Structure formats: C-alpha cells, structure tokens
C-alpha cells in the first residue's frame, strides 16, 4: 500500500505501567495522530522474541509481516 505513512521509532511501556492499559492508550494516540495527519498506514517493528509485544499487536488486529529483514551498516 502506498501513501502517507507515520513510522514509530520505538514503543515500550515498563511492566509496572502495563496494568493500567497505558500501552493501549499510547498506541491508540499514535493511531489517532496518524489519522489526523491523513496517513493511510502506520509502520513499526517488533522483534520475533518479544512475545508480549507480538501478543499486544495481535490483540489489536495488526498485520505482522515476517518477510522483511532489517539491514544496517556501522561506520567507525
């Protein structure tokens, strides 16, 4: 899908704050901001070992693409 996208660099809520649905409220605020900016999609990454994160996104009906590999290059 092409069009305007809002990319989230990082999303983490400390465990002691998760019980208050803070993560859900932050995630919904992110989605609301994307809609306010007239984006037609949002993107971010979750690591495959982060089962808590994967479960959170699955609960929110997120599409998790498993066919993309991240690349990076460091300069000294």
Protein backbone atom coordinates (compact mmCIF):
# COMPACT_ATOMS: atom_id res chain seq x y z
CA UNK A 1 0.00 0.00 0.00
CA UNK A 2 1.35 3.37 -0.96
CA UNK A 3 0.58 6.73 0.54
CA UNK A 4 1.41 8.74 3.61
CA UNK A 5 2.84 6.71 6.49
CA UNK A 6 3.64 7.51 10.12
CA UNK A 7 6.62 5.48 11.34
CA UNK A 8 7.02 4.74 15.03
CA UNK A 9 10.66 4.51 16.10
CA UNK A 10 10.08 2.78 19.41
CA UNK A 11 7.19 1.71 21.63
CA UNK A 12 7.85 0.37 25.10
CA UNK A 13 5.91 0.55 28.35
CA UNK A 14 7.57 -0.54 31.58
CA UNK A 15 5.88 -3.58 33.12
CA UNK A 16 4.70 -1.70 36.19
CA UNK A 17 2.59 0.60 33.98
CA UNK A 18 1.07 -2.06 31.72
CA UNK A 19 -1.70 -3.00 34.13
CA UNK A 20 -3.27 0.45 33.71
CA UNK A 21 -3.74 -0.02 29.94
CA UNK A 22 -1.22 2.76 29.36
CA UNK A 23 0.26 0.91 26.40
CA UNK A 24 -3.15 0.62 24.78
CA UNK A 25 -3.84 4.32 25.30
CA UNK A 26 -0.46 5.30 23.85
CA UNK A 27 -0.97 3.01 20.87
CA UNK A 28 -4.42 4.48 20.23
CA UNK A 29 -2.97 8.01 20.48
CA UNK A 30 -0.37 7.02 17.85
CA UNK A 31 -3.15 5.79 15.55
CA UNK A 32 -5.19 8.94 16.15
CA UNK A 33 -2.18 11.12 15.29
CA UNK A 34 -1.66 9.21 12.05
CA UNK A 35 -5.30 9.73 11.11
CA UNK A 36 -5.07 13.45 11.98
CA UNK A 37 -2.06 13.68 9.62
CA UNK A 38 -4.12 11.99 6.87
CA UNK A 39 -1.89 8.91 6.81
CA UNK A 40 -3.28 5.75 5.30
CA UNK A 41 -0.91 3.47 7.18
CA UNK A 42 1.39 3.22 10.18
CA UNK A 43 4.55 1.14 10.49
CA UNK A 44 6.90 -0.04 13.20
CA UNK A 45 8.79 -3.20 14.08
CA UNK A 46 8.53 -5.84 16.75
CA UNK A 47 11.25 -8.40 17.40
CA UNK A 48 10.31 -12.05 16.96
CA UNK A 49 11.37 -12.92 20.53
CA UNK A 50 9.12 -10.22 22.03
CA UNK A 51 6.08 -12.41 22.63
CA UNK A 52 4.42 -9.82 24.87
CA UNK A 53 4.68 -7.27 22.06
CA UNK A 54 3.52 -9.74 19.41
CA UNK A 55 0.51 -10.64 21.57
CA UNK A 56 -0.31 -6.95 22.14
CA UNK A 57 -0.30 -6.23 18.42
CA UNK A 58 -2.26 -9.39 17.60
CA UNK A 59 -4.92 -8.24 20.07
CA UNK A 60 -5.11 -5.00 18.06
CA UNK A 61 -5.53 -6.88 14.74
CA UNK A 62 -2.15 -5.73 13.43
CA UNK A 63 -0.62 -7.32 10.34
CA UNK A 64 2.84 -8.61 11.23
CA UNK A 65 4.93 -9.05 8.09
CA UNK A 66 7.56 -11.71 8.63
CA UNK A 67 9.23 -11.43 5.24
CA UNK A 68 11.21 -8.19 5.80
CA UNK A 69 14.78 -8.22 7.05
CA UNK A 70 16.34 -5.11 8.53
CA UNK A 71 19.77 -4.06 7.33
CA UNK A 72 22.30 -1.75 8.89
CA UNK A 73 25.87 -0.62 8.41
CA UNK A 74 28.12 0.96 11.02
CA UNK A 75 30.91 3.42 10.25
CA UNK A 76 33.88 3.82 12.59
